[in-house]
Amino acid sequence: MAEFQTVARVGEIPEGEGRSFEVAGRMVAVFYVAGKYSAIYDTCPHMGASLASGYVENGGVMCPWHAWRFCVTTGTWLDNPKSTLCQPTYETRIVDDEIQVRIPA
């Protein structure tokens, strides 16, 4: 069973931004949007850019290299929501002041 792993403390990720962390051998982008933390797979499927460094707006993150957009909570490809292309998402929680992410086994 996968365990939650602490990636940061509350307040270390500014509102409307993301940060990249390695969790269980995977790069994960953790975002703080509208007062909630969410986590998706950090690597853009198009050319491999870090989504955590992308521009965040209206609940989506724009890849910094070629402007592909993904929902920070569902991983949906916002440029074509009917597509089956979707970034994996990961469960997040707050324990005391720690932001934690769990990668399924």
Foldseek 3Di string as FASTA:
>chain_A
DWDKDFDDFPPPADEQAWDWDQDPNFIWIWHQYPNDIWIWGQFDPPPGAGQRHAGGDPQWGAGPPPGFIARRHWQARVVDNVDPDGTGIWDWDADPGTIITIDDD
